[in-house]
N, C-alpha and C. Protein backbone atom coordinates (compact mmCIF):
# COMPACT_ATOMS: atom_id res chain seq x y z
N MET A 1 0.91 -0.97 0.35
CA MET A 1 0.27 0.03 -0.21
C MET A 1 0.69 0.97 -0.25
N THR A 2 0.38 2.62 -0.98
CA THR A 2 1.45 3.15 -0.97
C THR A 2 0.21 4.63 -0.45
N ALA A 3 0.76 5.27 0.49
CA ALA A 3 0.25 6.83 0.59
C ALA A 3 -0.77 7.62 0.22
N LYS A 4 -1.65 7.64 -0.58
CA LYS A 4 -2.53 8.90 -1.07
C LYS A 4 -1.25 10.21 -0.85
N LEU A 5 -1.39 10.73 0.55
CA LEU A 5 -0.22 11.89 0.86
C LEU A 5 0.12 11.68 2.20
N ASP A 6 1.14 12.55 2.93
CA ASP A 6 1.02 12.72 4.03
C ASP A 6 1.22 13.49 4.32
N PRO A 7 0.17 13.84 5.30
CA PRO A 7 -0.81 15.11 5.69
C PRO A 7 0.17 16.00 6.57
N PHE A 8 1.10 15.15 6.88
CA PHE A 8 2.05 15.57 7.80
C PHE A 8 2.66 16.58 7.08
N ALA A 9 3.39 16.35 5.87
CA ALA A 9 3.88 17.04 5.29
C ALA A 9 2.77 18.45 3.92
N ALA A 10 1.76 17.95 3.95
CA ALA A 10 0.80 18.42 2.94
C ALA A 10 0.53 19.95 3.69
N ALA A 11 0.01 19.42 5.39
CA ALA A 11 -0.66 20.72 5.96
C ALA A 11 0.14 20.79 7.23
N PRO A 12 1.06 21.05 7.57
CA PRO A 12 1.61 20.80 8.91
C PRO A 12 0.98 21.78 9.49
N GLY A 13 0.00 22.73 8.99
CA GLY A 13 -0.35 23.54 10.30
C GLY A 13 -1.51 23.25 10.69
N VAL A 14 -1.98 22.42 9.49
CA VAL A 14 -3.18 21.66 10.13
C VAL A 14 -3.05 20.44 11.63
N MET A 15 -1.97 19.35 10.92
CA MET A 15 -1.67 18.70 11.67
C MET A 15 -0.64 18.73 13.29
N LYS A 16 -0.11 19.26 13.07
CA LYS A 16 0.69 19.64 14.42
C LYS A 16 -0.51 20.50 15.64
N PRO A 17 -1.27 21.25 15.58
CA PRO A 17 -2.07 21.24 16.52
C PRO A 17 -3.27 19.89 16.26
N TRP A 18 -3.65 19.47 15.39
CA TRP A 18 -4.34 17.93 15.72
C TRP A 18 -3.43 17.29 16.66
N PHE A 19 -2.08 17.19 16.45
CA PHE A 19 -1.33 16.02 17.11
C PHE A 19 -1.25 16.52 19.00
N ALA A 20 -1.02 18.30 19.00
CA ALA A 20 -0.58 18.36 20.22
C ALA A 20 -2.42 18.33 21.14
N ALA A 21 -2.95 18.48 20.29
CA ALA A 21 -4.50 18.64 20.91
C ALA A 21 -4.97 16.91 21.40
N SER A 22 -4.81 15.79 20.47
CA SER A 22 -4.90 14.60 20.69
C SER A 22 -3.89 13.91 21.62
N THR A 23 -2.16 14.59 21.22
CA THR A 23 -1.21 14.30 23.18
C THR A 23 -2.31 14.56 24.36
N ALA A 24 -3.17 16.32 24.26
CA ALA A 24 -3.24 16.39 25.85
C ALA A 24 -4.20 16.12 26.06
N ILE A 25 -5.63 15.33 25.86
CA ILE A 25 -6.31 15.07 25.25
C ILE A 25 -5.94 13.20 26.47
N ALA A 26 -4.83 12.70 25.60
CA ALA A 26 -4.83 11.48 25.89
C ALA A 26 -4.02 11.16 27.17
N ALA A 27 -3.39 12.63 27.53
CA ALA A 27 -2.78 13.14 29.20
C ALA A 27 -3.95 12.87 30.12
N SER A 28 -4.91 13.00 29.73
CA SER A 28 -6.25 12.72 31.40
C SER A 28 -6.71 11.29 30.85
N LEU A 29 -6.21 10.41 30.84
CA LEU A 29 -6.51 8.98 30.18
C LEU A 29 -5.32 7.64 30.55
N GLU A 30 -6.05 6.96 30.91
CA GLU A 30 -4.95 5.20 31.51
C GLU A 30 -4.27 5.56 30.18
N PRO A 31 -3.11 5.00 29.72
CA PRO A 31 -2.71 4.63 28.77
C PRO A 31 -3.16 3.35 28.22
N THR A 32 -3.26 2.42 28.89
CA THR A 32 -4.20 1.52 28.01
C THR A 32 -5.10 1.25 27.70
N LEU A 33 -6.11 1.86 28.33
CA LEU A 33 -7.63 2.29 27.81
C LEU A 33 -7.55 2.91 26.52
N ILE A 34 -6.26 4.19 26.26
CA ILE A 34 -6.46 5.09 24.91
C ILE A 34 -6.16 3.76 23.73
N GLU A 35 -5.38 3.07 23.96
CA GLU A 35 -5.27 2.37 23.12
C GLU A 35 -6.04 1.20 22.47
N LEU A 36 -7.17 0.51 23.95
CA LEU A 36 -7.32 -0.18 23.94
C LEU A 36 -8.83 0.90 22.69
N VAL A 37 -9.27 2.18 23.21
CA VAL A 37 -10.01 2.04 21.89
C VAL A 37 -9.27 2.78 20.83
N LYS A 38 -8.59 2.83 20.86
CA LYS A 38 -7.34 3.01 19.34
C LYS A 38 -7.74 1.85 18.26
N ILE A 39 -7.55 0.52 18.74
CA ILE A 39 -7.44 -1.02 18.34
C ILE A 39 -9.06 -0.99 18.04
N ARG A 40 -9.82 -0.73 19.11
CA ARG A 40 -11.25 -1.29 19.23
C ARG A 40 -11.72 -0.57 17.15
N ALA A 41 -11.17 1.07 17.43
CA ALA A 41 -11.77 1.36 16.34
C ALA A 41 -10.95 1.37 15.02
N SER A 42 -10.06 1.09 15.23
CA SER A 42 -8.73 0.81 14.13
C SER A 42 -9.94 -0.79 13.39
N GLN A 43 -10.40 -1.93 14.89
CA GLN A 43 -10.78 -3.20 14.01
C GLN A 43 -11.76 -2.92 13.01
N ILE A 44 -12.75 -1.98 13.89
CA ILE A 44 -14.32 -1.46 13.04
C ILE A 44 -13.94 -0.48 11.40
N ASN A 45 -12.86 0.16 11.73
CA ASN A 45 -12.10 0.43 10.21
C ASN A 45 -11.40 0.11 8.96
N ARG A 46 -10.91 -1.11 9.86
CA ARG A 46 -10.48 -2.17 9.39
C ARG A 46 -8.96 -1.37 8.96
N CYS A 47 -8.58 -0.31 9.97
CA CYS A 47 -7.01 0.17 9.34
C CYS A 47 -5.97 -0.45 10.10
N ALA A 48 -5.39 -0.96 8.60
CA ALA A 48 -4.23 -1.89 9.07
C ALA A 48 -2.77 -0.81 9.57
N ASN A 49 -2.39 0.07 9.72
CA ASN A 49 -1.53 0.89 10.03
C ASN A 49 -2.15 1.01 11.20
N CYS A 50 -3.21 1.40 11.75
CA CYS A 50 -3.59 1.77 12.91
C CYS A 50 -3.67 0.26 14.07
N LEU A 51 -3.85 -0.59 13.34
CA LEU A 51 -3.75 -1.91 14.32
C LEU A 51 -2.50 -1.88 14.50
N ASN A 52 -1.70 -2.29 13.53
CA ASN A 52 0.03 -2.32 13.97
C ASN A 52 0.16 -1.79 14.69
N MET A 53 -0.03 -0.08 14.69
CA MET A 53 0.73 0.53 15.76
C MET A 53 0.39 0.71 17.13
N HIS A 54 -1.19 0.47 16.80
CA HIS A 54 -2.13 1.06 18.43
C HIS A 54 -1.76 -0.60 19.09
N THR A 55 -1.56 -2.20 18.73
CA THR A 55 -1.53 -2.40 19.22
C THR A 55 -0.09 -3.62 19.53
N ALA A 56 1.21 -2.34 19.17
CA ALA A 56 2.79 -2.78 19.69
C ALA A 56 2.39 -1.47 20.50
N GLU A 57 1.95 -0.34 20.23
CA GLU A 57 1.66 0.48 21.50
C GLU A 57 1.40 0.36 22.90
N ALA A 58 -0.17 -0.71 23.28
CA ALA A 58 -0.44 -1.22 23.76
C ALA A 58 0.05 -2.32 24.70
N ARG A 59 0.82 -3.10 23.78
CA ARG A 59 1.76 -4.63 24.77
C ARG A 59 2.97 -3.51 24.95
N ALA A 60 3.00 -2.31 24.79
CA ALA A 60 4.49 -1.77 25.45
C ALA A 60 4.23 -1.05 26.60
N LYS A 61 2.68 -0.72 26.21
CA LYS A 61 1.95 0.17 27.90
C LYS A 61 1.86 -0.62 28.76
N GLY A 62 1.51 -1.98 28.43
CA GLY A 62 1.29 -2.72 29.33
C GLY A 62 -0.31 -4.33 29.77
N GLU A 63 -0.72 -3.57 28.26
CA GLU A 63 -1.82 -4.85 27.94
C GLU A 63 -1.11 -5.65 27.68
N SER A 64 -2.18 -6.98 28.07
CA SER A 64 -2.15 -8.12 27.71
C SER A 64 -2.44 -8.77 26.44
N ASP A 65 -1.84 -9.50 25.85
CA ASP A 65 -2.29 -10.48 24.42
C ASP A 65 -3.82 -10.45 24.75
N GLN A 66 -3.95 -11.44 25.66
CA GLN A 66 -5.20 -11.64 25.76
C GLN A 66 -6.57 -10.68 25.58
N ARG A 67 -6.32 -9.44 26.41
CA ARG A 67 -7.13 -8.77 26.34
C ARG A 67 -7.47 -7.72 24.56
N ILE A 68 -6.05 -7.66 24.33
CA ILE A 68 -6.50 -7.34 22.77
C ILE A 68 -7.17 -8.22 21.88
N TYR A 69 -6.24 -9.50 22.01
CA TYR A 69 -7.04 -10.69 20.90
C TYR A 69 -8.99 -10.69 21.62
N LEU A 70 -9.15 -10.42 22.08
CA LEU A 70 -10.82 -10.29 22.70
C LEU A 70 -12.00 -9.43 22.51
N LEU A 71 -10.71 -7.53 21.94
CA LEU A 71 -11.62 -6.53 21.54
C LEU A 71 -12.82 -6.30 20.63
N PRO A 72 -12.66 -7.38 19.80
CA PRO A 72 -13.72 -7.90 18.70
C PRO A 72 -14.98 -8.31 19.59
N ALA A 73 -14.73 -9.00 20.62
CA ALA A 73 -15.54 -9.84 21.38
C ALA A 73 -16.04 -8.82 22.87
N TRP A 74 -15.99 -8.05 23.05
CA TRP A 74 -15.91 -7.29 24.26
C TRP A 74 -17.25 -7.07 24.92
N ARG A 75 -17.83 -7.46 24.28
CA ARG A 75 -19.25 -7.29 25.00
C ARG A 75 -19.65 -8.84 26.17
N ASP A 76 -19.04 -9.57 25.34
CA ASP A 76 -19.12 -11.03 26.31
C ASP A 76 -17.81 -11.40 26.86
N ALA A 77 -16.45 -10.38 27.05
CA ALA A 77 -15.49 -10.95 27.26
C ALA A 77 -15.19 -10.03 29.20
N PRO A 78 -15.33 -11.14 29.98
CA PRO A 78 -15.18 -10.78 31.21
C PRO A 78 -13.93 -10.05 31.62
N CYS A 79 -12.91 -9.60 30.73
CA CYS A 79 -11.97 -9.18 31.82
C CYS A 79 -11.85 -7.36 31.26
N TYR A 80 -13.21 -6.66 31.03
CA TYR A 80 -12.71 -5.24 30.68
C TYR A 80 -13.71 -4.63 32.09
N THR A 81 -12.88 -3.93 32.17
CA THR A 81 -13.53 -3.17 33.67
C THR A 81 -14.99 -1.98 33.08
N PRO A 82 -16.24 -1.47 33.86
CA PRO A 82 -16.98 -0.66 33.73
C PRO A 82 -16.28 0.09 32.80
N ARG A 83 -15.48 0.60 33.03
CA ARG A 83 -14.70 2.83 32.68
C ARG A 83 -14.85 1.81 30.97
N GLU A 84 -13.79 0.08 31.03
CA GLU A 84 -13.41 0.08 29.86
C GLU A 84 -14.36 -0.09 29.07
N ARG A 85 -15.29 -0.69 28.91
CA ARG A 85 -16.79 -1.26 28.62
C ARG A 85 -17.04 0.07 27.56
N ALA A 86 -17.11 1.27 28.57
CA ALA A 86 -17.93 2.19 28.68
C ALA A 86 -17.24 3.23 27.30
N ALA A 87 -16.28 3.29 27.67
CA ALA A 87 -15.25 3.54 26.12
C ALA A 87 -15.33 2.90 25.17
N LEU A 88 -15.48 1.85 25.40
CA LEU A 88 -15.56 0.63 24.04
C LEU A 88 -16.98 0.62 23.11
N ALA A 89 -17.90 0.80 24.11
CA ALA A 89 -19.16 1.20 23.29
C ALA A 89 -19.35 2.74 22.87
N TRP A 90 -18.87 3.46 23.81
CA TRP A 90 -19.11 4.64 23.10
C TRP A 90 -17.81 4.38 22.18
N THR A 91 -16.74 4.42 21.43
CA THR A 91 -15.82 3.36 20.44
C THR A 91 -17.19 3.46 19.51
N ASP A 92 -17.46 1.90 19.44
CA ASP A 92 -18.21 1.50 18.82
C ASP A 92 -20.00 2.13 18.12
N ALA A 93 -20.17 3.07 19.04
CA ALA A 93 -21.19 4.55 18.55
C ALA A 93 -21.16 5.14 17.15
N LEU A 94 -20.06 5.83 18.40
CA LEU A 94 -19.27 6.69 17.11
C LEU A 94 -19.07 6.51 15.82
N THR A 95 -18.01 4.93 15.91
CA THR A 95 -17.62 4.95 14.71
C THR A 95 -18.51 3.92 13.92
N ARG A 96 -19.65 3.62 14.20
CA ARG A 96 -20.52 3.23 13.64
C ARG A 96 -21.71 3.98 13.34
N LEU A 97 -21.81 5.21 13.06
CA LEU A 97 -22.79 6.11 12.76
C LEU A 97 -23.53 5.79 11.92
N SER A 98 -23.25 5.79 11.05
CA SER A 98 -23.70 5.04 9.26
C SER A 98 -24.83 3.90 9.75
N GLU A 99 -24.34 2.83 10.92
CA GLU A 99 -25.54 2.25 10.72
C GLU A 99 -26.47 2.83 11.78
N GLY A 100 -26.81 3.71 11.84
CA GLY A 100 -27.75 4.52 12.93
C GLY A 100 -27.74 5.06 14.21
N HIS A 101 -28.11 5.94 14.78
CA HIS A 101 -28.17 6.72 15.84
C HIS A 101 -27.91 6.14 16.87
N THR A 102 -27.36 5.11 17.86
CA THR A 102 -27.91 4.71 18.62
C THR A 102 -26.72 4.72 19.69
N HIS A 103 -26.26 6.07 19.66
CA HIS A 103 -25.12 6.50 20.79
C HIS A 103 -25.80 7.01 21.92
N GLY A 104 -27.23 6.82 22.14
CA GLY A 104 -27.72 7.82 22.98
C GLY A 104 -26.94 6.90 24.45
N GLU A 105 -27.53 5.70 24.76
CA GLU A 105 -26.92 4.75 25.54
C GLU A 105 -25.70 4.69 26.13
N ALA A 106 -24.94 5.03 24.74
CA ALA A 106 -23.43 4.58 24.94
C ALA A 106 -23.03 5.54 25.51
N TYR A 107 -23.59 6.89 25.23
CA TYR A 107 -23.23 8.23 26.04
C TYR A 107 -23.30 8.19 27.61
N ALA A 108 -24.75 7.71 27.78
CA ALA A 108 -25.42 7.73 29.13
C ALA A 108 -24.26 6.76 29.65
N ALA A 109 -23.97 6.19 29.64
CA ALA A 109 -22.69 5.13 29.85
C ALA A 109 -21.26 5.55 29.98
N LEU A 110 -20.70 6.86 28.85
CA LEU A 110 -19.62 7.13 28.59
C LEU A 110 -19.73 8.08 29.85
N ALA A 111 -20.78 8.76 30.05
CA ALA A 111 -21.04 10.22 31.28
C ALA A 111 -20.62 9.75 32.84
N ALA A 112 -21.18 8.23 32.61
CA ALA A 112 -20.74 7.80 33.79
C ALA A 112 -19.10 7.88 34.28
N GLU A 113 -18.91 7.22 33.65
CA GLU A 113 -16.94 6.72 33.41
C GLU A 113 -16.00 8.32 33.70
N PHE A 114 -16.32 8.59 32.32
CA PHE A 114 -15.70 10.06 32.20
C PHE A 114 -16.17 11.61 32.10
N SER A 115 -15.09 12.34 32.09
CA SER A 115 -14.99 13.78 32.42
C SER A 115 -15.77 14.31 30.73
N GLU A 116 -16.19 14.96 30.63
CA GLU A 116 -16.48 15.86 29.28
C GLU A 116 -15.07 16.45 28.29
N GLU A 117 -14.39 16.20 29.43
CA GLU A 117 -12.84 16.54 28.22
C GLU A 117 -12.49 15.02 27.78
N ASP A 118 -12.50 14.15 28.05
CA ASP A 118 -11.90 13.24 28.36
C ASP A 118 -12.83 12.52 27.30
N ILE A 119 -13.80 13.01 26.15
CA ILE A 119 -14.32 12.48 25.24
C ILE A 119 -14.49 12.43 23.99
N ILE A 120 -13.46 12.44 23.06
CA ILE A 120 -12.81 13.13 22.37
C ILE A 120 -11.91 11.91 21.28
N THR A 121 -12.07 11.75 19.82
CA THR A 121 -11.24 10.56 19.09
C THR A 121 -11.19 11.25 17.77
N GLY A 122 -10.28 10.60 16.89
CA GLY A 122 -10.40 10.82 15.19
C GLY A 122 -9.70 10.71 14.59
N TRP A 123 -8.13 10.17 15.10
CA TRP A 123 -6.71 9.65 14.33
C TRP A 123 -7.41 8.07 13.51
N ASN A 124 -8.12 7.63 13.45
CA ASN A 124 -8.09 6.95 12.38
C ASN A 124 -8.50 7.12 11.36
N ARG A 125 -9.65 8.22 10.97
CA ARG A 125 -9.74 8.58 10.47
C ARG A 125 -9.24 9.40 9.17
N LEU A 126 -7.90 9.55 9.60
CA LEU A 126 -7.00 10.07 8.89
C LEU A 126 -6.18 8.95 7.98
N ALA A 127 -5.66 7.80 9.09
CA ALA A 127 -4.75 7.07 8.40
C ALA A 127 -5.88 6.14 7.22
N VAL A 128 -6.92 5.73 7.52
CA VAL A 128 -7.61 5.42 6.83
C VAL A 128 -8.11 5.92 5.21
N GLY A 129 -8.45 7.19 5.58
CA GLY A 129 -8.51 8.17 4.25
C GLY A 129 -7.58 8.35 3.28
N PHE A 130 -6.33 8.38 4.07
CA PHE A 130 -5.06 8.02 3.33
C PHE A 130 -4.21 7.30 2.92
N ASP A 131 -4.23 6.08 3.57
CA ASP A 131 -3.76 4.74 3.71
C ASP A 131 -2.33 5.08 4.00
N LEU A 132 -2.56 5.83 4.94
CA LEU A 132 -0.83 5.59 6.06
C LEU A 132 -0.57 4.38 6.65
N TRP A 133 0.67 4.04 6.84
CA TRP A 133 1.44 2.77 7.36
C TRP A 133 2.11 3.97 8.05
N ILE A 134 2.35 3.97 9.58
CA ILE A 134 3.45 4.09 10.10
C ILE A 134 4.18 3.56 10.93
N GLU A 135 5.32 2.52 11.07
CA GLU A 135 5.89 1.60 12.30
C GLU A 135 5.60 2.87 13.58
N PRO A 136 5.42 1.56 14.25
CA PRO A 136 5.44 2.57 15.77
C PRO A 136 6.63 3.45 16.12
N ALA A 137 7.72 2.10 15.76
CA ALA A 137 8.93 3.54 16.25
C ALA A 137 9.11 4.84 15.87
N ALA A 138 9.15 4.78 14.38
CA ALA A 138 8.62 5.86 13.81
C ALA A 138 7.42 6.99 14.29
N ALA A 139 6.53 6.68 14.88
CA ALA A 139 5.36 7.33 15.76
C ALA A 139 6.23 7.70 16.87
N LYS A 140 6.57 7.19 17.21
CA LYS A 140 7.29 7.21 18.64
C LYS A 140 8.15 8.22 18.60
N ALA A 141 8.81 8.26 17.68
CA ALA A 141 10.11 9.07 17.81
C ALA A 141 9.74 10.43 17.32
N ALA A 142 8.17 10.58 16.54
CA ALA A 142 7.98 11.64 15.89
C ALA A 142 7.06 12.37 17.17
N ALA A 143 6.91 12.05 17.95
CA ALA A 143 5.90 12.31 19.36
C ALA A 143 7.20 13.41 20.27
C-alpha cells in the first residue's frame, strides 16, 4: 500500500495542532485504555496501519495479549472494567454512526465513567482516508 499523501507534510499547520490536541487529551486518560479504544476503532474501520501501531503501543504500555485479542468480542469477555466497557461502547457507537444513531445509551454509560473533557477521538479517520502506514517506532520518534 502506498500512502495517497502525507498529511503532516501537506498541511503541517493543521496536523501539528491536531497532534498536540490528541496528546493533551490522551494525557488525562489511562494509557492502556487509550490504546484499547484506538485498537477497537481500527478494527471497525479495518485500518491495518492503526492496528499495527496501536497493538504494539498497547503491549509496550503493559496491555495483555488476551485483552487485545478479545477486543472484537469485548461485550462478552469478562476481562474489561465498567470504565473500559463504557469507552468501547462509545467507540463502537461513534465509529458506526452510518449504521444508525444508537449512541444515546452509549453516551449515558460514558458520562458515568468519564469527564466531558475526556470524550474525544479522531486519528483513525486520517489513517484510513490517506492509506497511511507508520511504524510504531517512527510514531514514537515523531512524538
